[in-house]
Amino acid sequence: MSTGKRTGGRSAVVVAQVRSAVEDLVRERGAERVTIPLIAERAGVNPTSIYRRWGDLPTMLNDIATYRLDPDRPLPDTGELRADLIAWAGEIVEHYAKPVNAALLRGGAASAGETESDCLRNRRAEAQVLAARATASFAADDLIELVIAPIIYRVIFLPWTLTPDLAQRCVDRLLAGRPVA
């Protein structure tokens, strides 16, 4: 979790109920029409429980938008850079091809304002690990700009273009040193 709070027992149940409620409401209404009182009612919890844990709606949306792509999950490590990068990018494409995950990303990104969102921070950390493994001459920022940014652009503006081959095309262009079209 991005909040750094440890959950267990009743707290874990409340978090799961709230996440489920948020996902359902975003799917039904869109992120811009979701409120903490609506979430609390759907989750069967007191709004103060939500405010105590997350503080405000933008922080909660950002947290929920990023929790599924767990930053502690193992990254692909086949020993072949191209395959690892395609698997990594493919996981991100597949995740955000789901409309509710895309809506949560949009809500989380909007809530980040001028700060780096948890989603970007997590992808940057992953990119640093993958770039450090590489013997190629590219940096983590190259992975963000040439692989992740085109995917996220499509999630936000052109969701119908999130095709299964997008990850491979982005990685191939990165490795060939060409911009993503």
N, C-alpha and C. Protein backbone atom coordinates (compact mmCIF):
# COMPACT_ATOMS: atom_id res chain seq x y z
N MET A 1 0.83 -1.18 0.00
CA MET A 1 0.00 0.00 0.00
C MET A 1 0.88 1.24 0.00
N SER A 2 0.46 2.25 -0.66
CA SER A 2 1.26 3.46 -0.71
C SER A 2 1.21 4.25 0.59
N THR A 3 0.22 4.00 1.43
CA THR A 3 0.10 4.75 2.68
C THR A 3 1.09 4.29 3.71
N GLY A 4 1.66 3.11 3.51
CA GLY A 4 2.63 2.60 4.45
C GLY A 4 2.01 2.02 5.70
N LYS A 5 0.69 2.04 5.83
CA LYS A 5 0.02 1.50 7.00
C LYS A 5 -0.11 -0.01 6.85
N ARG A 6 0.13 -0.71 7.94
CA ARG A 6 -0.03 -2.16 7.93
C ARG A 6 -1.48 -2.47 8.24
N THR A 7 -2.00 -3.41 7.50
CA THR A 7 -3.39 -3.76 7.73
C THR A 7 -3.49 -5.23 8.08
N GLY A 8 -4.44 -5.53 8.89
CA GLY A 8 -4.70 -6.91 9.26
C GLY A 8 -6.03 -6.94 9.97
N GLY A 9 -6.64 -8.11 10.06
CA GLY A 9 -7.90 -8.25 10.77
C GLY A 9 -8.98 -7.36 10.21
N ARG A 10 -9.66 -6.64 11.07
CA ARG A 10 -10.77 -5.78 10.68
C ARG A 10 -10.32 -4.70 9.70
N SER A 11 -9.14 -4.14 9.90
CA SER A 11 -8.64 -3.09 9.01
C SER A 11 -8.51 -3.61 7.58
N ALA A 12 -8.00 -4.82 7.42
CA ALA A 12 -7.86 -5.40 6.08
C ALA A 12 -9.22 -5.61 5.43
N VAL A 13 -10.20 -6.00 6.22
CA VAL A 13 -11.56 -6.19 5.71
C VAL A 13 -12.13 -4.86 5.24
N VAL A 14 -11.95 -3.81 6.03
CA VAL A 14 -12.46 -2.49 5.67
C VAL A 14 -11.79 -2.01 4.38
N VAL A 15 -10.49 -2.16 4.28
CA VAL A 15 -9.77 -1.73 3.08
C VAL A 15 -10.30 -2.48 1.86
N ALA A 16 -10.49 -3.78 1.98
CA ALA A 16 -11.01 -4.58 0.86
C ALA A 16 -12.43 -4.13 0.49
N GLN A 17 -13.27 -3.85 1.49
CA GLN A 17 -14.63 -3.38 1.21
C GLN A 17 -14.61 -2.03 0.51
N VAL A 18 -13.75 -1.14 0.96
CA VAL A 18 -13.66 0.19 0.36
C VAL A 18 -13.15 0.09 -1.08
N ARG A 19 -12.12 -0.70 -1.29
CA ARG A 19 -11.59 -0.87 -2.66
C ARG A 19 -12.65 -1.43 -3.59
N SER A 20 -13.35 -2.42 -3.13
CA SER A 20 -14.41 -3.01 -3.94
C SER A 20 -15.49 -1.97 -4.25
N ALA A 21 -15.88 -1.20 -3.24
CA ALA A 21 -16.90 -0.16 -3.43
C ALA A 21 -16.43 0.89 -4.44
N VAL A 22 -15.18 1.31 -4.31
CA VAL A 22 -14.64 2.30 -5.24
C VAL A 22 -14.66 1.76 -6.66
N GLU A 23 -14.18 0.55 -6.85
CA GLU A 23 -14.16 -0.03 -8.19
C GLU A 23 -15.56 -0.13 -8.77
N ASP A 24 -16.52 -0.58 -7.96
CA ASP A 24 -17.90 -0.69 -8.45
C ASP A 24 -18.46 0.68 -8.81
N LEU A 25 -18.26 1.66 -7.95
CA LEU A 25 -18.80 2.99 -8.21
C LEU A 25 -18.14 3.65 -9.41
N VAL A 26 -16.84 3.49 -9.55
CA VAL A 26 -16.15 4.06 -10.71
C VAL A 26 -16.67 3.40 -11.98
N ARG A 27 -16.85 2.10 -11.94
CA ARG A 27 -17.38 1.36 -13.10
C ARG A 27 -18.78 1.86 -13.45
N GLU A 28 -19.62 2.10 -12.43
CA GLU A 28 -21.01 2.51 -12.65
C GLU A 28 -21.17 3.98 -13.00
N ARG A 29 -20.39 4.84 -12.33
CA ARG A 29 -20.62 6.29 -12.42
C ARG A 29 -19.50 7.08 -13.07
N GLY A 30 -18.28 6.53 -13.07
CA GLY A 30 -17.11 7.29 -13.49
C GLY A 30 -16.46 7.92 -12.27
N ALA A 31 -15.15 8.04 -12.29
CA ALA A 31 -14.38 8.51 -11.14
C ALA A 31 -14.80 9.92 -10.70
N GLU A 32 -15.18 10.75 -11.64
CA GLU A 32 -15.51 12.14 -11.31
C GLU A 32 -16.81 12.27 -10.53
N ARG A 33 -17.62 11.22 -10.49
CA ARG A 33 -18.91 11.29 -9.78
C ARG A 33 -18.93 10.41 -8.52
N VAL A 34 -17.76 10.07 -8.04
CA VAL A 34 -17.65 9.25 -6.83
C VAL A 34 -17.28 10.16 -5.66
N THR A 35 -17.92 9.95 -4.53
CA THR A 35 -17.64 10.74 -3.32
C THR A 35 -17.36 9.79 -2.16
N ILE A 36 -16.73 10.30 -1.15
CA ILE A 36 -16.45 9.48 0.03
C ILE A 36 -17.74 9.02 0.70
N PRO A 37 -18.75 9.86 0.86
CA PRO A 37 -20.00 9.35 1.45
C PRO A 37 -20.62 8.20 0.63
N LEU A 38 -20.57 8.30 -0.70
CA LEU A 38 -21.08 7.20 -1.54
C LEU A 38 -20.28 5.92 -1.32
N ILE A 39 -18.97 6.07 -1.27
CA ILE A 39 -18.09 4.92 -1.07
C ILE A 39 -18.37 4.28 0.29
N ALA A 40 -18.47 5.12 1.33
CA ALA A 40 -18.73 4.60 2.68
C ALA A 40 -20.04 3.85 2.72
N GLU A 41 -21.07 4.41 2.11
CA GLU A 41 -22.37 3.74 2.10
C GLU A 41 -22.28 2.39 1.40
N ARG A 42 -21.65 2.36 0.24
CA ARG A 42 -21.53 1.12 -0.52
C ARG A 42 -20.68 0.09 0.22
N ALA A 43 -19.63 0.55 0.89
CA ALA A 43 -18.73 -0.36 1.60
C ALA A 43 -19.27 -0.78 2.96
N GLY A 44 -20.29 -0.06 3.44
CA GLY A 44 -20.84 -0.38 4.75
C GLY A 44 -19.92 0.03 5.89
N VAL A 45 -19.22 1.15 5.68
CA VAL A 45 -18.32 1.67 6.72
C VAL A 45 -18.67 3.13 6.99
N ASN A 46 -18.17 3.64 8.08
CA ASN A 46 -18.38 5.04 8.42
C ASN A 46 -17.42 5.89 7.58
N PRO A 47 -17.88 7.02 7.05
CA PRO A 47 -16.97 7.88 6.28
C PRO A 47 -15.71 8.27 7.04
N THR A 48 -15.81 8.38 8.37
CA THR A 48 -14.62 8.76 9.14
C THR A 48 -13.53 7.69 9.04
N SER A 49 -13.92 6.43 8.84
CA SER A 49 -12.92 5.37 8.65
C SER A 49 -12.11 5.63 7.38
N ILE A 50 -12.80 6.10 6.35
CA ILE A 50 -12.12 6.40 5.08
C ILE A 50 -11.22 7.62 5.24
N TYR A 51 -11.76 8.68 5.85
CA TYR A 51 -10.95 9.88 6.05
C TYR A 51 -9.73 9.60 6.93
N ARG A 52 -9.90 8.77 7.95
CA ARG A 52 -8.80 8.46 8.85
C ARG A 52 -7.69 7.71 8.10
N ARG A 53 -8.06 6.80 7.23
CA ARG A 53 -7.07 6.00 6.52
C ARG A 53 -6.41 6.77 5.37
N TRP A 54 -7.23 7.47 4.57
CA TRP A 54 -6.70 8.10 3.36
C TRP A 54 -6.64 9.62 3.41
N GLY A 55 -7.41 10.24 4.25
CA GLY A 55 -7.36 11.70 4.36
C GLY A 55 -8.33 12.40 3.44
N ASP A 56 -8.31 12.05 2.16
CA ASP A 56 -9.21 12.70 1.21
C ASP A 56 -9.44 11.79 0.00
N LEU A 57 -10.38 12.18 -0.83
CA LEU A 57 -10.74 11.37 -1.99
C LEU A 57 -9.59 11.22 -2.99
N PRO A 58 -8.89 12.29 -3.34
CA PRO A 58 -7.79 12.13 -4.30
C PRO A 58 -6.72 11.13 -3.83
N THR A 59 -6.36 11.20 -2.56
CA THR A 59 -5.36 10.27 -2.03
C THR A 59 -5.87 8.84 -2.11
N MET A 60 -7.13 8.65 -1.77
CA MET A 60 -7.71 7.31 -1.82
C MET A 60 -7.74 6.78 -3.25
N LEU A 61 -8.18 7.60 -4.20
CA LEU A 61 -8.22 7.16 -5.59
C LEU A 61 -6.83 6.81 -6.10
N ASN A 62 -5.84 7.61 -5.74
CA ASN A 62 -4.46 7.34 -6.14
C ASN A 62 -4.00 6.00 -5.58
N ASP A 63 -4.29 5.76 -4.31
CA ASP A 63 -3.91 4.50 -3.67
C ASP A 63 -4.58 3.31 -4.34
N ILE A 64 -5.86 3.42 -4.58
CA ILE A 64 -6.60 2.31 -5.16
C ILE A 64 -6.22 2.11 -6.62
N ALA A 65 -5.89 3.18 -7.32
CA ALA A 65 -5.47 3.06 -8.71
C ALA A 65 -4.16 2.28 -8.84
N THR A 66 -3.35 2.31 -7.81
CA THR A 66 -2.03 1.69 -7.92
C THR A 66 -1.90 0.37 -7.19
N TYR A 67 -2.86 -0.01 -6.36
CA TYR A 67 -2.63 -1.19 -5.53
C TYR A 67 -2.57 -2.49 -6.31
N ARG A 68 -3.25 -2.61 -7.41
CA ARG A 68 -3.26 -3.87 -8.14
C ARG A 68 -1.93 -4.18 -8.81
N LEU A 69 -1.27 -3.15 -9.31
CA LEU A 69 0.06 -3.36 -9.87
C LEU A 69 1.04 -3.21 -8.73
N ASP A 70 1.11 -4.22 -7.92
CA ASP A 70 1.90 -4.22 -6.69
C ASP A 70 3.37 -3.94 -7.01
N PRO A 71 3.93 -2.85 -6.44
CA PRO A 71 5.33 -2.54 -6.71
C PRO A 71 6.29 -3.58 -6.16
N ASP A 72 5.82 -4.45 -5.27
CA ASP A 72 6.68 -5.48 -4.70
C ASP A 72 6.57 -6.82 -5.44
N ARG A 73 5.77 -6.86 -6.51
CA ARG A 73 5.64 -8.11 -7.26
C ARG A 73 6.95 -8.38 -7.99
N PRO A 74 7.25 -9.62 -8.26
CA PRO A 74 8.50 -9.90 -8.98
C PRO A 74 8.39 -9.41 -10.43
N LEU A 75 9.44 -8.77 -10.88
CA LEU A 75 9.49 -8.33 -12.27
C LEU A 75 9.96 -9.49 -13.14
N PRO A 76 9.57 -9.49 -14.40
CA PRO A 76 10.05 -10.56 -15.29
C PRO A 76 11.57 -10.61 -15.27
N ASP A 77 12.12 -11.81 -15.23
CA ASP A 77 13.57 -11.99 -15.21
C ASP A 77 13.93 -13.31 -15.89
N THR A 78 13.80 -13.29 -17.21
CA THR A 78 14.06 -14.49 -18.00
C THR A 78 15.52 -14.61 -18.41
N GLY A 79 16.27 -13.52 -18.21
CA GLY A 79 17.64 -13.50 -18.67
C GLY A 79 17.76 -12.90 -20.07
N GLU A 80 16.63 -12.56 -20.67
CA GLU A 80 16.61 -11.96 -22.00
C GLU A 80 15.89 -10.62 -21.90
N LEU A 81 16.63 -9.53 -22.10
CA LEU A 81 16.13 -8.18 -21.89
C LEU A 81 14.84 -7.90 -22.65
N ARG A 82 14.82 -8.18 -23.92
CA ARG A 82 13.63 -7.87 -24.73
C ARG A 82 12.41 -8.59 -24.18
N ALA A 83 12.53 -9.86 -23.87
CA ALA A 83 11.41 -10.64 -23.34
C ALA A 83 10.94 -10.07 -22.00
N ASP A 84 11.88 -9.68 -21.13
CA ASP A 84 11.51 -9.10 -19.84
C ASP A 84 10.76 -7.78 -20.02
N LEU A 85 11.25 -6.95 -20.92
CA LEU A 85 10.60 -5.65 -21.14
C LEU A 85 9.21 -5.83 -21.74
N ILE A 86 9.06 -6.74 -22.68
CA ILE A 86 7.75 -6.99 -23.29
C ILE A 86 6.78 -7.54 -22.25
N ALA A 87 7.24 -8.46 -21.42
CA ALA A 87 6.37 -9.01 -20.37
C ALA A 87 5.94 -7.92 -19.40
N TRP A 88 6.88 -7.07 -18.99
CA TRP A 88 6.59 -5.97 -18.08
C TRP A 88 5.57 -5.00 -18.69
N ALA A 89 5.86 -4.54 -19.90
CA ALA A 89 4.95 -3.60 -20.57
C ALA A 89 3.61 -4.27 -20.88
N GLY A 90 3.63 -5.54 -21.23
CA GLY A 90 2.40 -6.26 -21.52
C GLY A 90 1.49 -6.37 -20.31
N GLU A 91 2.09 -6.57 -19.14
CA GLU A 91 1.31 -6.62 -17.91
C GLU A 91 0.61 -5.28 -17.67
N ILE A 92 1.29 -4.20 -17.97
CA ILE A 92 0.71 -2.87 -17.78
C ILE A 92 -0.41 -2.62 -18.79
N VAL A 93 -0.18 -3.00 -20.05
CA VAL A 93 -1.23 -2.86 -21.07
C VAL A 93 -2.46 -3.67 -20.66
N GLU A 94 -2.25 -4.91 -20.29
CA GLU A 94 -3.37 -5.79 -19.91
C GLU A 94 -4.13 -5.22 -18.72
N HIS A 95 -3.40 -4.72 -17.74
CA HIS A 95 -4.03 -4.15 -16.54
C HIS A 95 -4.93 -2.97 -16.91
N TYR A 96 -4.39 -2.02 -17.67
CA TYR A 96 -5.13 -0.81 -17.97
C TYR A 96 -6.09 -0.95 -19.14
N ALA A 97 -6.11 -2.09 -19.79
CA ALA A 97 -7.12 -2.34 -20.82
C ALA A 97 -8.49 -2.57 -20.16
N LYS A 98 -8.48 -2.87 -18.87
CA LYS A 98 -9.74 -3.03 -18.13
C LYS A 98 -10.27 -1.63 -17.82
N PRO A 99 -11.49 -1.32 -18.25
CA PRO A 99 -12.02 0.04 -18.08
C PRO A 99 -11.98 0.58 -16.66
N VAL A 100 -12.25 -0.24 -15.66
CA VAL A 100 -12.24 0.28 -14.29
C VAL A 100 -10.82 0.67 -13.88
N ASN A 101 -9.81 -0.09 -14.30
CA ASN A 101 -8.44 0.26 -13.96
C ASN A 101 -8.01 1.54 -14.68
N ALA A 102 -8.47 1.70 -15.92
CA ALA A 102 -8.18 2.93 -16.65
C ALA A 102 -8.83 4.13 -15.97
N ALA A 103 -10.07 3.98 -15.54
CA ALA A 103 -10.77 5.07 -14.85
C ALA A 103 -10.08 5.42 -13.54
N LEU A 104 -9.63 4.41 -12.82
CA LEU A 104 -8.92 4.66 -11.57
C LEU A 104 -7.59 5.35 -11.84
N LEU A 105 -6.89 4.97 -12.91
CA LEU A 105 -5.63 5.64 -13.26
C LEU A 105 -5.89 7.11 -13.56
N ARG A 106 -6.93 7.38 -14.35
CA ARG A 106 -7.24 8.78 -14.66
C ARG A 106 -7.55 9.56 -13.39
N GLY A 107 -8.34 8.97 -12.49
CA GLY A 107 -8.65 9.64 -11.23
C GLY A 107 -7.42 9.84 -10.37
N GLY A 108 -6.56 8.81 -10.31
CA GLY A 108 -5.34 8.91 -9.52
C GLY A 108 -4.38 9.94 -10.08
N ALA A 109 -4.26 9.97 -11.41
CA ALA A 109 -3.36 10.94 -12.05
C ALA A 109 -3.86 12.36 -11.84
N ALA A 110 -5.17 12.53 -11.95
CA ALA A 110 -5.74 13.86 -11.74
C ALA A 110 -5.52 14.31 -10.30
N SER A 111 -5.58 13.39 -9.38
CA SER A 111 -5.42 13.76 -7.97
C SER A 111 -3.98 14.07 -7.61
N ALA A 112 -3.04 13.59 -8.41
CA ALA A 112 -1.63 13.81 -8.10
C ALA A 112 -1.25 15.28 -8.26
N GLY A 113 -1.97 16.00 -9.13
CA GLY A 113 -1.67 17.41 -9.34
C GLY A 113 -0.26 17.59 -9.87
N GLU A 114 0.52 18.41 -9.19
CA GLU A 114 1.88 18.69 -9.64
C GLU A 114 2.91 17.76 -9.02
N THR A 115 2.45 16.77 -8.27
CA THR A 115 3.38 15.81 -7.68
C THR A 115 3.36 14.53 -8.50
N GLU A 116 4.40 13.73 -8.35
CA GLU A 116 4.47 12.46 -9.06
C GLU A 116 3.50 11.48 -8.40
N SER A 117 2.66 10.86 -9.21
CA SER A 117 1.69 9.91 -8.67
C SER A 117 2.41 8.64 -8.20
N ASP A 118 1.73 7.90 -7.33
CA ASP A 118 2.28 6.62 -6.89
C ASP A 118 2.48 5.70 -8.07
N CYS A 119 1.56 5.74 -9.01
CA CYS A 119 1.68 4.88 -10.19
C CYS A 119 2.97 5.17 -10.94
N LEU A 120 3.25 6.43 -11.21
CA LEU A 120 4.49 6.77 -11.91
C LEU A 120 5.71 6.45 -11.07
N ARG A 121 5.64 6.74 -9.80
CA ARG A 121 6.77 6.44 -8.91
C ARG A 121 7.06 4.93 -8.93
N ASN A 122 6.02 4.12 -8.87
CA ASN A 122 6.21 2.66 -8.90
C ASN A 122 6.76 2.18 -10.24
N ARG A 123 6.24 2.72 -11.34
CA ARG A 123 6.75 2.31 -12.66
C ARG A 123 8.19 2.77 -12.83
N ARG A 124 8.53 3.95 -12.30
CA ARG A 124 9.91 4.45 -12.40
C ARG A 124 10.86 3.53 -11.63
N ALA A 125 10.45 3.08 -10.45
CA ALA A 125 11.28 2.17 -9.66
C ALA A 125 11.48 0.85 -10.41
N GLU A 126 10.43 0.36 -11.03
CA GLU A 126 10.54 -0.87 -11.82
C GLU A 126 11.47 -0.65 -13.03
N ALA A 127 11.33 0.49 -13.67
CA ALA A 127 12.17 0.81 -14.83
C ALA A 127 13.64 0.88 -14.42
N GLN A 128 13.91 1.39 -13.23
CA GLN A 128 15.29 1.46 -12.75
C GLN A 128 15.87 0.06 -12.58
N VAL A 129 15.08 -0.86 -12.06
CA VAL A 129 15.55 -2.24 -11.89
C VAL A 129 15.83 -2.86 -13.25
N LEU A 130 14.89 -2.69 -14.18
CA LEU A 130 15.05 -3.30 -15.51
C LEU A 130 16.21 -2.66 -16.27
N ALA A 131 16.37 -1.35 -16.17
CA ALA A 131 17.47 -0.68 -16.87
C ALA A 131 18.82 -1.09 -16.27
N ALA A 132 18.86 -1.28 -14.97
CA ALA A 132 20.12 -1.70 -14.33
C ALA A 132 20.54 -3.09 -14.79
N ARG A 133 19.59 -3.94 -15.11
CA ARG A 133 19.89 -5.29 -15.61
C ARG A 133 20.41 -5.26 -17.05
N ALA A 134 20.04 -4.21 -17.75
CA ALA A 134 20.31 -4.15 -19.19
C ALA A 134 21.77 -3.82 -19.48
N THR A 135 22.27 -4.40 -20.52
CA THR A 135 23.59 -4.03 -21.01
C THR A 135 23.44 -3.02 -22.14
N ALA A 136 22.18 -2.70 -22.48
CA ALA A 136 21.90 -1.72 -23.54
C ALA A 136 22.17 -0.32 -23.02
N SER A 137 22.24 0.61 -23.93
CA SER A 137 22.55 1.99 -23.55
C SER A 137 21.27 2.81 -23.42
N PHE A 138 20.45 2.46 -22.45
CA PHE A 138 19.30 3.29 -22.16
C PHE A 138 19.12 3.35 -20.65
N ALA A 139 18.45 4.41 -20.22
CA ALA A 139 18.24 4.64 -18.80
C ALA A 139 16.78 4.37 -18.43
N ALA A 140 16.51 4.36 -17.15
CA ALA A 140 15.14 4.15 -16.67
C ALA A 140 14.19 5.18 -17.27
N ASP A 141 14.64 6.43 -17.40
CA ASP A 141 13.79 7.46 -17.99
C ASP A 141 13.44 7.14 -19.44
N ASP A 142 14.34 6.46 -20.16
CA ASP A 142 14.02 6.04 -21.53
C ASP A 142 12.88 5.03 -21.51
N LEU A 143 12.89 4.12 -20.55
CA LEU A 143 11.79 3.15 -20.43
C LEU A 143 10.48 3.85 -20.13
N ILE A 144 10.53 4.85 -19.27
CA ILE A 144 9.31 5.60 -18.95
C ILE A 144 8.82 6.35 -20.18
N GLU A 145 9.70 7.07 -20.84
CA GLU A 145 9.30 7.92 -21.97
C GLU A 145 8.93 7.13 -23.22
N LEU A 146 9.62 6.03 -23.48
CA LEU A 146 9.41 5.33 -24.74
C LEU A 146 8.55 4.07 -24.63
N VAL A 147 8.35 3.57 -23.43
CA VAL A 147 7.52 2.37 -23.27
C VAL A 147 6.27 2.70 -22.46
N ILE A 148 6.43 3.24 -21.27
CA ILE A 148 5.28 3.48 -20.39
C ILE A 148 4.44 4.66 -20.85
N ALA A 149 5.07 5.77 -21.21
CA ALA A 149 4.30 6.97 -21.61
C ALA A 149 3.35 6.70 -22.78
N PRO A 150 3.78 6.01 -23.84
CA PRO A 150 2.83 5.74 -24.91
C PRO A 150 1.65 4.86 -24.46
N ILE A 151 1.91 3.96 -23.55
CA ILE A 151 0.83 3.11 -23.03
C ILE A 151 -0.15 3.96 -22.23
N ILE A 152 0.37 4.77 -21.32
CA ILE A 152 -0.50 5.59 -20.47
C ILE A 152 -1.25 6.63 -21.30
N TYR A 153 -0.61 7.19 -22.31
CA TYR A 153 -1.29 8.12 -23.22
C TYR A 153 -2.51 7.45 -23.84
N ARG A 154 -2.32 6.21 -24.29
CA ARG A 154 -3.43 5.48 -24.89
C ARG A 154 -4.52 5.15 -23.86
N VAL A 155 -4.11 4.82 -22.64
CA VAL A 155 -5.09 4.54 -21.58
C VAL A 155 -5.98 5.76 -21.39
N ILE A 156 -5.39 6.93 -21.34
CA ILE A 156 -6.14 8.15 -21.05
C ILE A 156 -6.92 8.66 -22.26
N PHE A 157 -6.30 8.68 -23.42
CA PHE A 157 -6.93 9.33 -24.57
C PHE A 157 -7.44 8.39 -25.66
N LEU A 158 -6.83 7.22 -25.81
CA LEU A 158 -7.19 6.32 -26.91
C LEU A 158 -7.31 4.87 -26.42
N PRO A 159 -8.19 4.61 -25.46
CA PRO A 159 -8.22 3.27 -24.87
C PRO A 159 -8.46 2.14 -25.86
N TRP A 160 -9.11 2.41 -26.96
CA TRP A 160 -9.36 1.37 -27.96
C TRP A 160 -8.10 0.95 -28.69
N THR A 161 -6.98 1.68 -28.48
CA THR A 161 -5.72 1.31 -29.13
C THR A 161 -4.81 0.47 -28.23
N LEU A 162 -5.32 0.04 -27.09
CA LEU A 162 -4.54 -0.82 -26.19
C LEU A 162 -4.62 -2.26 -26.72
N THR A 163 -3.85 -2.52 -27.73
CA THR A 163 -3.87 -3.83 -28.37
C THR A 163 -2.79 -4.73 -27.78
N PRO A 164 -2.95 -6.05 -27.92
CA PRO A 164 -1.96 -6.97 -27.36
C PRO A 164 -0.54 -6.76 -27.88
N ASP A 165 -0.39 -6.22 -29.07
CA ASP A 165 0.96 -6.03 -29.63
C ASP A 165 1.60 -4.70 -29.24
N LEU A 166 0.89 -3.85 -28.49
CA LEU A 166 1.42 -2.53 -28.13
C LEU A 166 2.71 -2.64 -27.33
N ALA A 167 2.75 -3.51 -26.36
CA ALA A 167 3.95 -3.66 -25.53
C ALA A 167 5.16 -4.01 -26.39
N GLN A 168 5.00 -4.96 -27.28
CA GLN A 168 6.11 -5.38 -28.14
C GLN A 168 6.55 -4.25 -29.05
N ARG A 169 5.61 -3.52 -29.63
CA ARG A 169 5.98 -2.40 -30.51
C ARG A 169 6.75 -1.33 -29.76
N CYS A 170 6.32 -0.99 -28.54
CA CYS A 170 7.02 0.03 -27.75
C CYS A 170 8.43 -0.42 -27.40
N VAL A 171 8.57 -1.66 -26.97
CA VAL A 171 9.89 -2.18 -26.61
C VAL A 171 10.79 -2.26 -27.83
N ASP A 172 10.26 -2.73 -28.94
CA ASP A 172 11.09 -2.81 -30.15
C ASP A 172 11.57 -1.44 -30.60
N ARG A 173 10.73 -0.43 -30.47
CA ARG A 173 11.14 0.92 -30.84
C ARG A 173 12.19 1.46 -29.86
N LEU A 174 12.03 1.15 -28.58
CA LEU A 174 13.04 1.55 -27.60
C LEU A 174 14.40 0.93 -27.96
N LEU A 175 14.38 -0.37 -28.22
CA LEU A 175 15.64 -1.07 -28.50
C LEU A 175 16.24 -0.67 -29.84
N ALA A 176 15.40 -0.21 -30.77
CA ALA A 176 15.89 0.24 -32.07
C ALA A 176 16.25 1.73 -32.03
N GLY A 177 15.93 2.40 -30.93
CA GLY A 177 16.25 3.82 -30.81
C GLY A 177 15.32 4.73 -31.58
N ARG A 178 14.11 4.24 -31.88
CA ARG A 178 13.14 5.04 -32.63
C ARG A 178 12.00 5.47 -31.71
N PRO A 179 11.42 6.65 -31.97
CA PRO A 179 10.26 7.07 -31.16
C PRO A 179 9.05 6.18 -31.45
N VAL A 180 8.16 6.08 -30.48
CA VAL A 180 6.95 5.27 -30.63
C VAL A 180 5.92 6.05 -31.41
N ALA A 181 5.38 5.43 -32.45
CA ALA A 181 4.35 6.09 -33.27
C ALA A 181 2.97 5.71 -32.78
